[in-house]
Amino acid sequence: MPTSNPAPAAHTPAPGEPVLVLLSPDADPRLADPAAPHLSVTDQGVTRGDGLFETALAVADETGTFAMRKLAAHLGRLASSADALGIAAPDPEPWRAAIEAGLAGFAAANPVAPGDRLSVRLTVTRGPEAPAGVEARPTAWALLTPAPRTSDAERAEGVRVLLLERGLDSAAVEGAPWLLTGAKTLSYAVNMAALRHAKAHGADDVVFTSADGYLLEGPTSTLLLARTGADGTRRIVTPLRQKGILAGTSQSVIFAAAEAAGWRLGYGPLAPADLDGADGLWLVSSVRGVLPIRAVDGQDVPVDAELTERLQAWLDADGDPGVHVSGDPVRDED
């Protein structure tokens, strides 16, 4: 009589190697060998970049136990990206189980000290190509790798950015959801090409602009700026999400903390001229944290070390982002 194939044995991570966790709708998440092949050559994530991802951060506490930062926000954004692409991504609980298994696997194989950091990348593709009339079955996995700290010198010195046009008019973006500008897709070739262009021209990073002149975001980060009003009120501002940018999970946490501290919040729209006279400019992201911008298109801008430390402390506190991550109505408070 026919017998079913046994489930593959779980992989035991070796010290220093990445930890891979495979998700399946038919089984519990399973640790797998990251050096072994797992994707079909017909997987549409590979052949077409048809998929999505999230990169979150896990930090070890004073007991050496890893805790995820902003996980609910990342899972919420992953679900939004999946809806935009029409991919049946796993629900939050399987992701949480996969991450828990991955963190446990890494901790079992490696000594963990307080402050150690892991990059936790969650990836979903549309899956291998299927015959006509058959729905493709998504492929999903979590990959955990050590994440270096941003050095004090790098955070203090800041980065040089170029303003590069993304080539899309903001009005066209609003009326063309198939462009997927608000989803974190696997199609990052343009973003990586922009970063290479910046480095080839003496800069470290990029801030994209729309074809009609609005500031958008970095290839892997969100733009923030701070201003102080004539009455001494401080305001923190980010570009308008509806102009075709990804909702920033780090920005959301910082905004919630800033609002609690009495700052006013602003959500664009912003043009390059709005960068002039700012108290500070920053690129923020989950793994690199808060990086001040020290030059835009070769022109120096002020770097406020105290403000940078404050924004980084707000991000490290990992407070509840509240409504700031859920696409609430735009506010522009003067």
Protein backbone atom coordinates (compact mmCIF):
# COMPACT_ATOMS: atom_id res chain seq x y z
CA MET A 1 0.00 0.00 0.00
CA PRO A 2 1.24 3.51 -0.67
CA THR A 3 2.89 5.36 2.17
CA SER A 4 3.16 9.09 2.69
CA ASN A 5 6.57 10.70 2.67
CA PRO A 6 7.80 11.53 6.18
CA ALA A 7 8.14 15.19 7.07
CA PRO A 8 11.72 16.45 6.74
CA ALA A 9 13.64 16.51 9.99
CA ALA A 10 14.12 19.91 11.57
CA HIS A 11 17.54 21.44 11.07
CA THR A 12 19.74 22.23 14.06
CA PRO A 13 21.44 25.60 13.46
CA ALA A 14 25.20 25.72 13.75
CA PRO A 15 26.98 28.52 15.61
CA GLY A 16 27.27 31.65 13.49
CA GLU A 17 25.02 30.53 10.65
CA PRO A 18 21.74 32.21 9.64
CA VAL A 19 18.58 30.63 10.98
CA LEU A 20 15.97 29.73 8.37
CA VAL A 21 12.36 28.88 9.26
CA LEU A 22 10.02 27.59 6.56
CA LEU A 23 6.27 28.17 6.81
CA SER A 24 3.67 25.82 5.38
CA PRO A 25 -0.14 25.89 5.53
CA ASP A 26 -0.04 22.13 6.21
CA ALA A 27 2.47 21.98 9.07
CA ASP A 28 4.07 23.90 11.89
CA PRO A 29 6.98 26.23 11.05
CA ARG A 30 10.18 24.20 10.59
CA LEU A 31 13.85 25.10 10.97
CA ALA A 32 15.71 24.27 7.75
CA ASP A 33 19.27 24.31 6.47
CA PRO A 34 19.92 27.80 5.03
CA ALA A 35 22.62 26.38 2.76
CA ALA A 36 20.26 23.86 1.12
CA PRO A 37 18.01 24.67 -1.88
CA HIS A 38 14.40 25.41 -0.97
CA LEU A 39 12.98 27.49 -3.85
CA SER A 40 11.77 26.16 -7.18
CA VAL A 41 13.39 27.73 -10.24
CA THR A 42 9.85 28.56 -11.34
CA ASP A 43 9.04 30.45 -8.12
CA GLN A 44 7.58 33.77 -9.19
CA GLY A 45 9.46 35.58 -6.47
CA VAL A 46 12.64 34.69 -8.35
CA THR A 47 11.43 34.88 -11.94
CA ARG A 48 9.33 38.05 -11.59
CA GLY A 49 10.08 39.62 -8.22
CA ASP A 50 6.45 38.83 -7.41
CA GLY A 51 6.39 38.84 -3.64
CA LEU A 52 6.85 40.94 -0.54
CA PHE A 53 8.97 41.13 2.57
CA GLU A 54 9.40 42.80 5.94
CA THR A 55 12.63 43.31 7.87
CA ALA A 56 12.24 43.61 11.62
CA LEU A 57 14.71 43.81 14.49
CA ALA A 58 15.14 41.58 17.54
CA VAL A 59 17.25 42.84 20.45
CA ALA A 60 18.48 40.82 23.43
CA ASP A 61 17.47 42.23 26.82
CA GLU A 62 19.51 42.28 30.03
CA THR A 63 18.84 38.56 30.53
CA GLY A 64 20.05 37.68 27.02
CA THR A 65 16.51 36.95 25.80
CA PHE A 66 15.61 38.24 22.36
CA ALA A 67 12.53 40.44 22.00
CA MET A 68 11.06 41.65 18.73
CA ARG A 69 10.73 45.36 18.01
CA LYS A 70 7.52 46.66 16.42
CA LEU A 71 6.41 43.17 15.41
CA ALA A 72 2.69 43.99 15.29
CA ALA A 73 3.40 46.96 13.04
CA HIS A 74 5.56 44.86 10.71
CA LEU A 75 2.95 42.11 10.51
CA GLY A 76 0.26 44.69 9.84
CA ARG A 77 2.27 46.21 7.01
CA LEU A 78 3.03 42.76 5.62
CA ALA A 79 -0.70 42.01 5.53
CA SER A 80 -1.35 45.32 3.74
CA SER A 81 1.34 44.54 1.16
CA ALA A 82 -0.12 41.05 0.66
CA ASP A 83 -3.57 42.54 0.08
CA ALA A 84 -2.14 44.96 -2.47
CA LEU A 85 -0.45 42.12 -4.35
CA GLY A 86 -3.32 39.66 -3.93
CA ILE A 87 -1.07 37.06 -2.28
CA ALA A 88 -2.47 34.77 0.42
CA ALA A 89 0.30 35.38 2.97
CA PRO A 90 0.31 33.50 6.29
CA ASP A 91 -1.69 35.00 9.13
CA PRO A 92 0.12 36.68 12.05
CA GLU A 93 0.14 33.62 14.33
CA PRO A 94 2.17 31.36 12.01
CA TRP A 95 4.65 34.22 11.57
CA ARG A 96 4.90 34.67 15.32
CA ALA A 97 5.46 30.93 15.75
CA ALA A 98 8.13 30.94 13.04
CA ILE A 99 9.93 33.88 14.61
CA GLU A 100 9.77 32.30 18.06
CA ALA A 101 11.25 29.08 16.66
CA GLY A 102 13.97 31.03 14.87
CA LEU A 103 14.93 33.05 17.94
CA ALA A 104 15.05 29.89 20.05
CA GLY A 105 17.17 28.14 17.42
CA PHE A 106 19.65 31.01 17.26
CA ALA A 107 19.88 31.28 21.05
CA ALA A 108 20.48 27.53 21.37
CA ALA A 109 23.39 27.67 18.92
CA ASN A 110 25.05 30.92 19.96
CA PRO A 111 26.05 32.78 23.12
CA VAL A 112 23.74 35.79 23.48
CA ALA A 113 24.70 38.97 25.31
CA PRO A 114 22.47 41.90 26.26
CA GLY A 115 22.14 44.25 23.31
CA ASP A 116 22.83 41.63 20.64
CA ARG A 117 20.70 42.26 17.55
CA LEU A 118 19.15 40.06 14.89
CA SER A 119 17.68 41.08 11.56
CA VAL A 120 14.45 39.12 11.05
CA ARG A 121 13.38 39.08 7.42
CA LEU A 122 9.93 37.72 6.57
CA THR A 123 9.43 36.86 2.90
CA VAL A 124 6.43 35.68 0.88
CA THR A 125 6.36 34.98 -2.85
CA ARG A 126 3.45 34.09 -5.08
CA GLY A 127 5.02 30.65 -5.30
CA PRO A 128 5.94 28.40 -8.23
CA GLU A 129 4.10 28.96 -11.47
CA ALA A 130 0.98 26.82 -11.67
CA PRO A 131 -1.01 25.48 -14.65
CA ALA A 132 -3.77 27.65 -16.05
CA GLY A 133 -6.76 27.71 -13.77
CA VAL A 134 -4.78 26.56 -10.74
CA GLU A 135 -3.94 29.10 -8.07
CA ALA A 136 -0.27 29.33 -7.20
CA ARG A 137 0.68 28.27 -3.68
CA PRO A 138 2.69 30.98 -1.87
CA THR A 139 6.17 30.32 -0.53
CA ALA A 140 6.97 31.83 2.87
CA TRP A 141 9.97 31.85 5.17
CA ALA A 142 11.72 33.78 7.93
CA LEU A 143 15.48 34.33 7.92
CA LEU A 144 17.33 35.51 11.03
CA THR A 145 20.85 36.93 10.75
CA PRO A 146 23.05 38.95 13.12
CA ALA A 147 22.55 42.69 12.63
CA PRO A 148 25.49 45.02 13.28
CA ARG A 149 24.99 48.07 15.44
CA THR A 150 25.21 51.49 13.84
CA SER A 151 28.42 52.90 15.27
CA ASP A 152 28.38 55.99 17.46
CA ALA A 153 30.65 57.70 14.93
CA GLU A 154 28.32 56.91 12.03
CA ARG A 155 25.29 58.14 13.95
CA ALA A 156 27.10 61.29 15.05
CA GLU A 157 28.61 62.06 11.66
CA GLY A 158 25.55 61.40 9.57
CA VAL A 159 25.09 60.48 5.91
CA ARG A 160 25.28 62.38 2.64
CA VAL A 161 22.25 61.98 0.38
CA LEU A 162 21.34 62.73 -3.20
CA LEU A 163 17.84 63.71 -4.28
CA LEU A 164 16.95 61.39 -7.16
CA GLU A 165 13.75 61.43 -9.16
CA ARG A 166 11.83 58.17 -9.00
CA GLY A 167 10.20 58.94 -12.36
CA LEU A 168 6.57 58.79 -11.24
CA ASP A 169 4.19 61.71 -10.90
CA SER A 170 2.55 61.73 -7.46
CA ALA A 171 -0.93 62.22 -8.95
CA ALA A 172 -0.42 59.22 -11.21
CA VAL A 173 0.63 57.14 -8.21
CA GLU A 174 -2.57 57.99 -6.34
CA GLY A 175 -4.69 56.78 -9.25
CA ALA A 176 -2.65 53.69 -10.13
CA PRO A 177 -2.65 51.17 -7.27
CA TRP A 178 -1.12 48.54 -9.58
CA LEU A 179 2.19 50.43 -9.29
CA LEU A 180 2.39 49.06 -5.71
CA THR A 181 4.31 52.08 -4.44
CA GLY A 182 2.85 51.65 -0.96
CA ALA A 183 3.73 47.95 -0.70
CA LYS A 184 7.05 46.46 0.39
CA THR A 185 7.60 44.24 -2.62
CA LEU A 186 10.61 42.14 -3.62
CA SER A 187 11.18 44.40 -6.65
CA TYR A 188 14.07 46.37 -5.16
CA ALA A 189 16.36 46.49 -8.19
CA VAL A 190 15.64 50.20 -8.74
CA ASN A 191 16.26 50.98 -5.07
CA MET A 192 19.60 49.17 -5.12
CA ALA A 193 20.58 50.85 -8.39
CA ALA A 194 19.82 54.25 -6.81
CA LEU A 195 22.11 53.45 -3.86
CA ARG A 196 24.90 52.38 -6.20
CA HIS A 197 24.46 55.60 -8.16
CA ALA A 198 24.71 57.63 -4.95
CA LYS A 199 27.90 55.88 -3.84
CA ALA A 200 29.43 56.34 -7.29
CA HIS A 201 28.80 60.08 -6.94
CA GLY A 202 30.22 60.60 -3.48
CA ALA A 203 27.06 60.14 -1.40
CA ASP A 204 25.91 57.47 1.04
CA ASP A 205 22.17 57.29 0.48
CA VAL A 206 19.21 58.64 -1.49
CA VAL A 207 15.96 60.49 -0.98
CA PHE A 208 13.57 59.89 -3.85
CA THR A 209 11.44 62.68 -5.30
CA SER A 210 8.35 62.41 -7.48
CA ALA A 211 8.37 63.67 -11.06
CA ASP A 212 6.29 66.65 -9.92
CA GLY A 213 8.76 67.64 -7.23
CA TYR A 214 7.63 66.10 -3.94
CA LEU A 215 9.93 64.44 -1.42
CA LEU A 216 9.19 60.76 -0.95
CA GLU A 217 11.45 58.34 0.96
CA GLY A 218 14.81 56.62 0.94
CA PRO A 219 15.35 53.29 -0.86
CA THR A 220 15.32 51.52 2.52
CA SER A 221 14.25 54.25 4.94
CA THR A 222 11.77 56.98 5.85
CA LEU A 223 12.60 60.69 5.81
CA LEU A 224 12.00 62.84 8.90
CA LEU A 225 12.68 66.50 9.55
CA ALA A 226 12.30 68.70 12.62
CA ARG A 227 11.52 72.39 12.94
CA THR A 228 11.13 74.81 15.83
CA GLY A 229 8.40 77.43 15.51
CA ALA A 230 8.69 81.07 16.50
CA ASP A 231 6.89 80.23 19.75
CA GLY A 232 9.41 77.49 20.55
CA THR A 233 7.06 74.64 19.67
CA ARG A 234 8.85 71.74 18.04
CA ARG A 235 7.40 69.91 15.10
CA ILE A 236 8.41 66.65 13.45
CA VAL A 237 7.38 66.06 9.84
CA THR A 238 7.45 63.21 7.33
CA PRO A 239 6.43 63.18 3.65
CA LEU A 240 2.80 62.60 2.78
CA ARG A 241 2.07 58.86 2.57
CA GLN A 242 -0.52 59.33 -0.17
CA LYS A 243 2.20 60.58 -2.51
CA GLY A 244 3.32 56.98 -3.03
CA ILE A 245 5.58 55.98 -0.14
CA LEU A 246 5.72 53.05 2.21
CA ALA A 247 4.25 53.48 5.67
CA GLY A 248 7.23 53.68 8.03
CA THR A 249 7.03 51.52 11.16
CA SER A 250 9.98 53.33 12.79
CA GLN A 251 8.48 56.70 11.89
CA SER A 252 5.23 55.64 13.54
CA VAL A 253 6.91 54.76 16.83
CA ILE A 254 8.89 58.01 16.84
CA PHE A 255 5.79 60.08 16.01
CA ALA A 256 3.79 58.53 18.82
CA ALA A 257 6.58 59.27 21.33
CA ALA A 258 7.05 62.79 19.97
CA GLU A 259 3.34 63.54 20.30
CA ALA A 260 3.37 62.27 23.89
CA ALA A 261 6.30 64.62 24.56
CA GLY A 262 4.34 67.63 23.30
CA TRP A 263 5.69 67.87 19.76
CA ARG A 264 3.41 68.72 16.86
CA LEU A 265 3.19 66.26 13.98
CA GLY A 266 3.18 66.96 10.27
CA TYR A 267 2.56 64.71 7.28
CA GLY A 268 3.75 66.61 4.20
CA PRO A 269 3.40 67.24 1.37
CA LEU A 270 7.05 68.25 1.29
CA ALA A 271 9.23 69.68 -1.46
CA PRO A 272 13.05 69.95 -1.48
CA ALA A 273 12.78 73.63 -0.48
CA ASP A 274 11.19 72.49 2.80
CA LEU A 275 14.52 71.00 3.85
CA ASP A 276 16.03 74.48 4.17
CA GLY A 277 16.10 75.82 7.70
CA ALA A 278 15.21 72.52 9.37
CA ASP A 279 16.66 71.76 12.81
CA GLY A 280 17.64 68.35 11.51
CA LEU A 281 17.00 65.75 8.83
CA TRP A 282 17.06 62.00 9.33
CA LEU A 283 16.66 58.68 7.57
CA VAL A 284 15.05 56.10 9.87
CA SER A 285 14.65 52.35 9.49
CA SER A 286 14.19 49.30 11.67
CA VAL A 287 17.73 47.91 11.58
CA ARG A 288 19.92 51.01 11.10
CA GLY A 289 17.79 53.16 13.39
CA VAL A 290 18.01 56.96 13.24
CA LEU A 291 20.71 58.36 10.95
CA PRO A 292 21.14 62.13 10.60
CA ILE A 293 21.58 63.61 7.15
CA ARG A 294 24.64 65.89 6.96
CA ALA A 295 24.53 66.89 3.30
CA VAL A 296 21.91 67.06 0.54
CA ASP A 297 23.17 67.17 -3.05
CA GLY A 298 26.58 68.24 -1.75
CA GLN A 299 25.25 71.06 0.43
CA ASP A 300 25.93 70.71 4.16
CA VAL A 301 22.96 70.72 6.53
CA PRO A 302 23.09 70.99 10.34
CA VAL A 303 23.37 67.82 12.41
CA ASP A 304 21.90 68.05 15.91
CA ALA A 305 23.41 65.25 17.98
CA GLU A 306 21.03 65.84 20.89
CA LEU A 307 17.97 65.55 18.67
CA THR A 308 19.37 62.43 17.04
CA GLU A 309 19.86 60.81 20.44
CA ARG A 310 16.32 61.74 21.44
CA LEU A 311 14.77 60.26 18.31
CA GLN A 312 16.88 57.10 18.69
CA ALA A 313 15.82 56.79 22.34
CA TRP A 314 12.17 57.07 21.31
CA LEU A 315 12.70 54.35 18.73
CA ASP A 316 14.61 52.11 21.16
CA ALA A 317 11.81 52.46 23.72
CA ASP A 318 9.62 50.60 21.22
CA GLY A 319 6.43 52.29 22.38
CA ASP A 320 3.00 51.63 20.98
CA PRO A 321 2.75 53.42 17.60
CA GLY A 322 -1.01 53.70 18.05
CA VAL A 323 -2.87 55.00 15.02
CA HIS A 324 0.25 56.27 13.31
CA VAL A 325 0.89 52.97 11.54
CA SER A 326 -2.68 52.30 10.45
CA GLY A 327 -3.11 54.86 7.72
CA ASP A 328 -5.03 57.42 9.76
CA PRO A 329 -6.14 60.66 8.07
CA VAL A 330 -3.35 63.02 7.19
CA ARG A 331 -2.66 65.77 9.69
CA ASP A 332 -0.69 68.90 8.99
CA GLU A 333 -0.60 70.93 12.18
CA ASP A 334 0.72 74.48 12.14
